[in-house]
Amino acid sequence: MRTEFVKFRVTEQEKDFLKKQSNNANLCLGAYLRNLGLGYPVRSMTDIQTTVQLKNSAANLGRLGGLLKLWLSNTKDEWDPRLGDKSRFKVELLVREIEQNKQELLDIARRLL
């Protein structure tokens, strides 16, 4: 049980900054300062949300790559309705979508750094 108080003085600007940082980490000011002081990692909600976006985008890219591989490796003469036709236009659209997802992954990863 926590029973001890630690008091220290800060400027108004420092206090505002600390409050903003604690809000970003989704912690009250006391918990935020305690985590910092005890050397525990403090992750901001922005980092957590960005990580989730990165995972989702990577999963989308994996699905698109798997579909492209399945589509291009299908050598059967019969038409499979799951794969659609192999027109050049369709291949270009799929490759363009993969490129867009790749760029989205890079943009998300840059926000984490």
N, C-alpha and C. Protein backbone atom coordinates (compact mmCIF):
# COMPACT_ATOMS: atom_id res chain seq x y z
N MET A 1 0.84 -1.18 0.00
CA MET A 1 0.00 0.00 0.00
C MET A 1 0.89 1.24 0.00
N ARG A 2 0.55 2.16 -0.83
CA ARG A 2 1.33 3.39 -0.93
C ARG A 2 0.84 4.39 0.11
N THR A 3 1.75 4.80 0.96
CA THR A 3 1.37 5.72 2.02
C THR A 3 2.23 6.98 2.04
N GLU A 4 3.32 7.00 1.31
CA GLU A 4 4.26 8.12 1.36
C GLU A 4 4.02 9.09 0.21
N PHE A 5 4.25 10.36 0.48
CA PHE A 5 4.13 11.41 -0.52
C PHE A 5 5.51 11.90 -0.91
N VAL A 6 5.67 12.24 -2.18
CA VAL A 6 6.88 12.89 -2.66
C VAL A 6 6.44 14.21 -3.28
N LYS A 7 7.01 15.29 -2.80
CA LYS A 7 6.64 16.61 -3.31
C LYS A 7 7.86 17.25 -3.94
N PHE A 8 7.63 17.95 -5.04
CA PHE A 8 8.70 18.72 -5.66
C PHE A 8 8.06 19.85 -6.46
N ARG A 9 8.84 20.88 -6.69
CA ARG A 9 8.33 22.06 -7.38
C ARG A 9 8.70 22.02 -8.86
N VAL A 10 7.77 22.51 -9.65
CA VAL A 10 8.00 22.63 -11.10
C VAL A 10 7.41 23.96 -11.54
N THR A 11 7.81 24.41 -12.72
CA THR A 11 7.21 25.62 -13.27
C THR A 11 5.83 25.27 -13.82
N GLU A 12 5.06 26.27 -14.13
CA GLU A 12 3.73 26.05 -14.70
C GLU A 12 3.84 25.34 -16.05
N GLN A 13 4.85 25.73 -16.85
CA GLN A 13 5.04 25.11 -18.15
C GLN A 13 5.43 23.63 -17.99
N GLU A 14 6.29 23.34 -17.01
CA GLU A 14 6.68 21.95 -16.77
C GLU A 14 5.48 21.11 -16.33
N LYS A 15 4.65 21.70 -15.48
CA LYS A 15 3.46 20.99 -15.00
C LYS A 15 2.51 20.69 -16.16
N ASP A 16 2.30 21.68 -17.02
CA ASP A 16 1.44 21.48 -18.20
C ASP A 16 2.00 20.38 -19.10
N PHE A 17 3.30 20.41 -19.28
CA PHE A 17 3.95 19.39 -20.12
C PHE A 17 3.78 18.00 -19.50
N LEU A 18 4.00 17.89 -18.20
CA LEU A 18 3.86 16.60 -17.52
C LEU A 18 2.42 16.08 -17.60
N LYS A 19 1.46 16.97 -17.44
CA LYS A 19 0.06 16.57 -17.56
C LYS A 19 -0.25 16.07 -18.97
N LYS A 20 0.26 16.79 -19.97
CA LYS A 20 0.04 16.39 -21.36
C LYS A 20 0.65 15.01 -21.62
N GLN A 21 1.87 14.80 -21.14
CA GLN A 21 2.54 13.51 -21.34
C GLN A 21 1.80 12.39 -20.62
N SER A 22 1.29 12.66 -19.41
CA SER A 22 0.56 11.63 -18.68
C SER A 22 -0.76 11.31 -19.39
N ASN A 23 -1.41 12.31 -19.96
CA ASN A 23 -2.63 12.07 -20.73
C ASN A 23 -2.33 11.23 -21.97
N ASN A 24 -1.21 11.52 -22.65
CA ASN A 24 -0.82 10.74 -23.83
C ASN A 24 -0.60 9.28 -23.48
N ALA A 25 -0.11 9.03 -22.27
CA ALA A 25 0.13 7.65 -21.82
C ALA A 25 -1.11 7.04 -21.18
N ASN A 26 -2.19 7.80 -21.12
CA ASN A 26 -3.44 7.34 -20.52
C ASN A 26 -3.25 6.97 -19.04
N LEU A 27 -2.45 7.78 -18.33
CA LEU A 27 -2.18 7.58 -16.91
C LEU A 27 -2.47 8.87 -16.16
N CYS A 28 -2.81 8.73 -14.88
CA CYS A 28 -2.91 9.94 -14.07
C CYS A 28 -1.48 10.46 -13.84
N LEU A 29 -1.38 11.72 -13.45
CA LEU A 29 -0.06 12.34 -13.30
C LEU A 29 0.81 11.58 -12.30
N GLY A 30 0.23 11.16 -11.18
CA GLY A 30 0.99 10.44 -10.17
C GLY A 30 1.55 9.12 -10.69
N ALA A 31 0.72 8.35 -11.39
CA ALA A 31 1.17 7.06 -11.94
C ALA A 31 2.24 7.28 -13.00
N TYR A 32 2.06 8.32 -13.82
CA TYR A 32 3.04 8.63 -14.86
C TYR A 32 4.40 8.95 -14.24
N LEU A 33 4.41 9.85 -13.24
CA LEU A 33 5.67 10.24 -12.60
C LEU A 33 6.31 9.07 -11.84
N ARG A 34 5.47 8.24 -11.22
CA ARG A 34 5.98 7.06 -10.50
C ARG A 34 6.66 6.10 -11.49
N ASN A 35 6.01 5.85 -12.61
CA ASN A 35 6.60 4.97 -13.63
C ASN A 35 7.92 5.52 -14.14
N LEU A 36 7.95 6.82 -14.41
CA LEU A 36 9.20 7.43 -14.87
C LEU A 36 10.29 7.32 -13.81
N GLY A 37 9.94 7.65 -12.59
CA GLY A 37 10.92 7.65 -11.51
C GLY A 37 11.45 6.28 -11.17
N LEU A 38 10.62 5.26 -11.33
CA LEU A 38 11.04 3.90 -11.01
C LEU A 38 11.63 3.17 -12.22
N GLY A 39 11.70 3.87 -13.34
CA GLY A 39 12.33 3.30 -14.53
C GLY A 39 11.45 2.35 -15.32
N TYR A 40 10.13 2.38 -15.07
CA TYR A 40 9.23 1.54 -15.84
C TYR A 40 8.95 2.19 -17.19
N PRO A 41 8.75 1.39 -18.23
CA PRO A 41 8.46 1.99 -19.54
C PRO A 41 7.10 2.68 -19.54
N VAL A 42 7.05 3.82 -20.17
CA VAL A 42 5.79 4.56 -20.31
C VAL A 42 5.52 4.67 -21.80
N ARG A 43 4.50 3.96 -22.25
CA ARG A 43 4.14 3.99 -23.66
C ARG A 43 2.93 4.89 -23.85
N SER A 44 3.01 5.74 -24.83
CA SER A 44 1.88 6.63 -25.09
C SER A 44 0.79 5.87 -25.82
N MET A 45 -0.44 6.33 -25.69
CA MET A 45 -1.56 5.72 -26.41
C MET A 45 -1.35 5.85 -27.91
N THR A 46 -0.68 6.92 -28.33
CA THR A 46 -0.40 7.10 -29.75
C THR A 46 0.48 5.95 -30.24
N ASP A 47 1.51 5.58 -29.48
CA ASP A 47 2.37 4.46 -29.86
C ASP A 47 1.59 3.16 -29.93
N ILE A 48 0.71 2.94 -28.98
CA ILE A 48 -0.08 1.72 -28.95
C ILE A 48 -1.01 1.66 -30.15
N GLN A 49 -1.69 2.77 -30.45
CA GLN A 49 -2.60 2.82 -31.59
C GLN A 49 -1.84 2.65 -32.91
N THR A 50 -0.67 3.26 -33.00
CA THR A 50 0.14 3.14 -34.21
C THR A 50 0.61 1.71 -34.39
N THR A 51 0.97 1.04 -33.31
CA THR A 51 1.39 -0.36 -33.40
C THR A 51 0.25 -1.23 -33.90
N VAL A 52 -0.96 -0.98 -33.43
CA VAL A 52 -2.13 -1.74 -33.89
C VAL A 52 -2.35 -1.49 -35.39
N GLN A 53 -2.23 -0.24 -35.81
CA GLN A 53 -2.38 0.08 -37.24
C GLN A 53 -1.32 -0.63 -38.06
N LEU A 54 -0.11 -0.69 -37.54
CA LEU A 54 0.99 -1.35 -38.24
C LEU A 54 0.70 -2.84 -38.41
N LYS A 55 0.22 -3.48 -37.36
CA LYS A 55 -0.13 -4.90 -37.43
C LYS A 55 -1.24 -5.14 -38.46
N ASN A 56 -2.26 -4.29 -38.43
CA ASN A 56 -3.38 -4.45 -39.38
C ASN A 56 -2.92 -4.26 -40.81
N SER A 57 -2.10 -3.27 -41.04
CA SER A 57 -1.61 -3.01 -42.39
C SER A 57 -0.71 -4.14 -42.87
N ALA A 58 0.12 -4.68 -41.99
CA ALA A 58 0.98 -5.80 -42.35
C ALA A 58 0.14 -7.03 -42.68
N ALA A 59 -0.93 -7.25 -41.92
CA ALA A 59 -1.81 -8.38 -42.19
C ALA A 59 -2.49 -8.23 -43.55
N ASN A 60 -2.93 -7.01 -43.88
CA ASN A 60 -3.53 -6.76 -45.19
C ASN A 60 -2.54 -7.03 -46.31
N LEU A 61 -1.33 -6.60 -46.13
CA LEU A 61 -0.30 -6.81 -47.14
C LEU A 61 -0.04 -8.31 -47.32
N GLY A 62 0.00 -9.04 -46.21
CA GLY A 62 0.19 -10.49 -46.30
C GLY A 62 -0.94 -11.18 -47.04
N ARG A 63 -2.17 -10.76 -46.77
CA ARG A 63 -3.32 -11.35 -47.47
C ARG A 63 -3.26 -11.06 -48.96
N LEU A 64 -2.92 -9.83 -49.32
CA LEU A 64 -2.83 -9.49 -50.74
C LEU A 64 -1.74 -10.29 -51.43
N GLY A 65 -0.60 -10.43 -50.76
CA GLY A 65 0.49 -11.22 -51.33
C GLY A 65 0.09 -12.68 -51.50
N GLY A 66 -0.61 -13.23 -50.53
CA GLY A 66 -1.08 -14.60 -50.63
C GLY A 66 -2.06 -14.79 -51.77
N LEU A 67 -2.96 -13.83 -51.95
CA LEU A 67 -3.91 -13.91 -53.06
C LEU A 67 -3.20 -13.83 -54.40
N LEU A 68 -2.23 -12.95 -54.50
CA LEU A 68 -1.49 -12.82 -55.76
C LEU A 68 -0.75 -14.11 -56.06
N LYS A 69 -0.11 -14.68 -55.05
CA LYS A 69 0.62 -15.94 -55.24
C LYS A 69 -0.33 -17.06 -55.68
N LEU A 70 -1.47 -17.18 -55.00
CA LEU A 70 -2.45 -18.20 -55.35
C LEU A 70 -2.94 -18.00 -56.77
N TRP A 71 -3.22 -16.77 -57.10
CA TRP A 71 -3.77 -16.43 -58.41
C TRP A 71 -2.79 -16.75 -59.52
N LEU A 72 -1.52 -16.35 -59.32
CA LEU A 72 -0.52 -16.56 -60.37
C LEU A 72 -0.06 -18.01 -60.47
N SER A 73 -0.15 -18.76 -59.37
CA SER A 73 0.31 -20.15 -59.40
C SER A 73 -0.77 -21.11 -59.86
N ASN A 74 -1.99 -20.65 -60.06
CA ASN A 74 -3.07 -21.52 -60.50
C ASN A 74 -2.87 -21.84 -61.98
N THR A 75 -2.49 -23.08 -62.26
CA THR A 75 -2.22 -23.48 -63.66
C THR A 75 -3.33 -24.33 -64.23
N LYS A 76 -4.36 -24.57 -63.47
CA LYS A 76 -5.48 -25.38 -63.96
C LYS A 76 -6.15 -24.67 -65.13
N ASP A 77 -6.63 -25.46 -66.05
CA ASP A 77 -7.32 -24.87 -67.20
C ASP A 77 -8.71 -24.40 -66.83
N GLU A 78 -9.33 -25.04 -65.80
CA GLU A 78 -10.67 -24.63 -65.44
C GLU A 78 -10.63 -23.31 -64.65
N TRP A 79 -11.66 -22.57 -64.76
CA TRP A 79 -11.76 -21.27 -64.12
C TRP A 79 -12.19 -21.43 -62.69
N ASP A 80 -11.48 -20.81 -61.75
CA ASP A 80 -11.83 -20.86 -60.32
C ASP A 80 -12.46 -19.51 -59.97
N PRO A 81 -13.73 -19.47 -59.59
CA PRO A 81 -14.39 -18.18 -59.34
C PRO A 81 -13.76 -17.38 -58.19
N ARG A 82 -13.02 -18.06 -57.30
CA ARG A 82 -12.38 -17.33 -56.20
C ARG A 82 -11.23 -16.46 -56.71
N LEU A 83 -10.67 -16.84 -57.84
CA LEU A 83 -9.47 -16.16 -58.32
C LEU A 83 -9.76 -15.08 -59.36
N GLY A 84 -10.89 -15.13 -59.99
CA GLY A 84 -11.21 -14.14 -61.01
C GLY A 84 -10.38 -14.37 -62.27
N ASP A 85 -10.45 -13.46 -63.20
CA ASP A 85 -9.67 -13.66 -64.43
C ASP A 85 -8.27 -13.09 -64.25
N LYS A 86 -7.38 -13.50 -65.13
CA LYS A 86 -5.98 -13.09 -65.02
C LYS A 86 -5.64 -12.00 -66.03
N SER A 87 -6.53 -11.08 -66.22
CA SER A 87 -6.26 -10.01 -67.17
C SER A 87 -5.13 -9.13 -66.65
N ARG A 88 -4.42 -8.53 -67.57
CA ARG A 88 -3.32 -7.64 -67.20
C ARG A 88 -3.82 -6.50 -66.31
N PHE A 89 -5.00 -6.00 -66.62
CA PHE A 89 -5.58 -4.91 -65.84
C PHE A 89 -5.76 -5.33 -64.38
N LYS A 90 -6.27 -6.55 -64.14
CA LYS A 90 -6.49 -7.02 -62.77
C LYS A 90 -5.16 -7.18 -62.03
N VAL A 91 -4.15 -7.69 -62.72
CA VAL A 91 -2.84 -7.86 -62.09
C VAL A 91 -2.27 -6.50 -61.71
N GLU A 92 -2.37 -5.52 -62.59
CA GLU A 92 -1.87 -4.18 -62.31
C GLU A 92 -2.59 -3.56 -61.11
N LEU A 93 -3.89 -3.76 -61.02
CA LEU A 93 -4.65 -3.23 -59.89
C LEU A 93 -4.17 -3.86 -58.57
N LEU A 94 -3.99 -5.17 -58.58
CA LEU A 94 -3.56 -5.87 -57.38
C LEU A 94 -2.16 -5.43 -56.97
N VAL A 95 -1.26 -5.31 -57.93
CA VAL A 95 0.11 -4.87 -57.62
C VAL A 95 0.09 -3.44 -57.10
N ARG A 96 -0.75 -2.59 -57.67
CA ARG A 96 -0.87 -1.20 -57.19
C ARG A 96 -1.38 -1.17 -55.75
N GLU A 97 -2.34 -2.03 -55.44
CA GLU A 97 -2.86 -2.09 -54.07
C GLU A 97 -1.79 -2.58 -53.10
N ILE A 98 -0.99 -3.53 -53.52
CA ILE A 98 0.12 -4.01 -52.68
C ILE A 98 1.11 -2.88 -52.44
N GLU A 99 1.44 -2.12 -53.46
CA GLU A 99 2.35 -0.98 -53.32
C GLU A 99 1.79 0.06 -52.37
N GLN A 100 0.49 0.33 -52.44
CA GLN A 100 -0.14 1.29 -51.53
C GLN A 100 -0.05 0.80 -50.09
N ASN A 101 -0.28 -0.49 -49.88
CA ASN A 101 -0.18 -1.04 -48.54
C ASN A 101 1.24 -0.99 -48.03
N LYS A 102 2.20 -1.22 -48.90
CA LYS A 102 3.61 -1.13 -48.51
C LYS A 102 3.94 0.29 -48.07
N GLN A 103 3.46 1.28 -48.81
CA GLN A 103 3.71 2.68 -48.45
C GLN A 103 3.04 3.01 -47.13
N GLU A 104 1.84 2.50 -46.91
CA GLU A 104 1.14 2.72 -45.64
C GLU A 104 1.94 2.14 -44.48
N LEU A 105 2.50 0.96 -44.67
CA LEU A 105 3.35 0.35 -43.63
C LEU A 105 4.54 1.25 -43.30
N LEU A 106 5.18 1.77 -44.32
CA LEU A 106 6.34 2.65 -44.10
C LEU A 106 5.94 3.92 -43.36
N ASP A 107 4.80 4.50 -43.73
CA ASP A 107 4.34 5.73 -43.07
C ASP A 107 4.04 5.47 -41.59
N ILE A 108 3.39 4.36 -41.31
CA ILE A 108 3.06 4.01 -39.92
C ILE A 108 4.35 3.77 -39.13
N ALA A 109 5.28 3.04 -39.73
CA ALA A 109 6.54 2.73 -39.04
C ALA A 109 7.32 4.02 -38.73
N ARG A 110 7.28 4.98 -39.64
CA ARG A 110 7.97 6.26 -39.40
C ARG A 110 7.38 7.00 -38.20
N ARG A 111 6.06 6.87 -37.99
CA ARG A 111 5.43 7.54 -36.84
C ARG A 111 5.91 6.94 -35.52
N LEU A 112 6.30 5.68 -35.54
CA LEU A 112 6.78 5.03 -34.32
C LEU A 112 8.19 5.49 -33.96
N LEU A 113 8.95 5.97 -34.93
CA LEU A 113 10.34 6.35 -34.66
C LEU A 113 10.48 7.75 -34.14
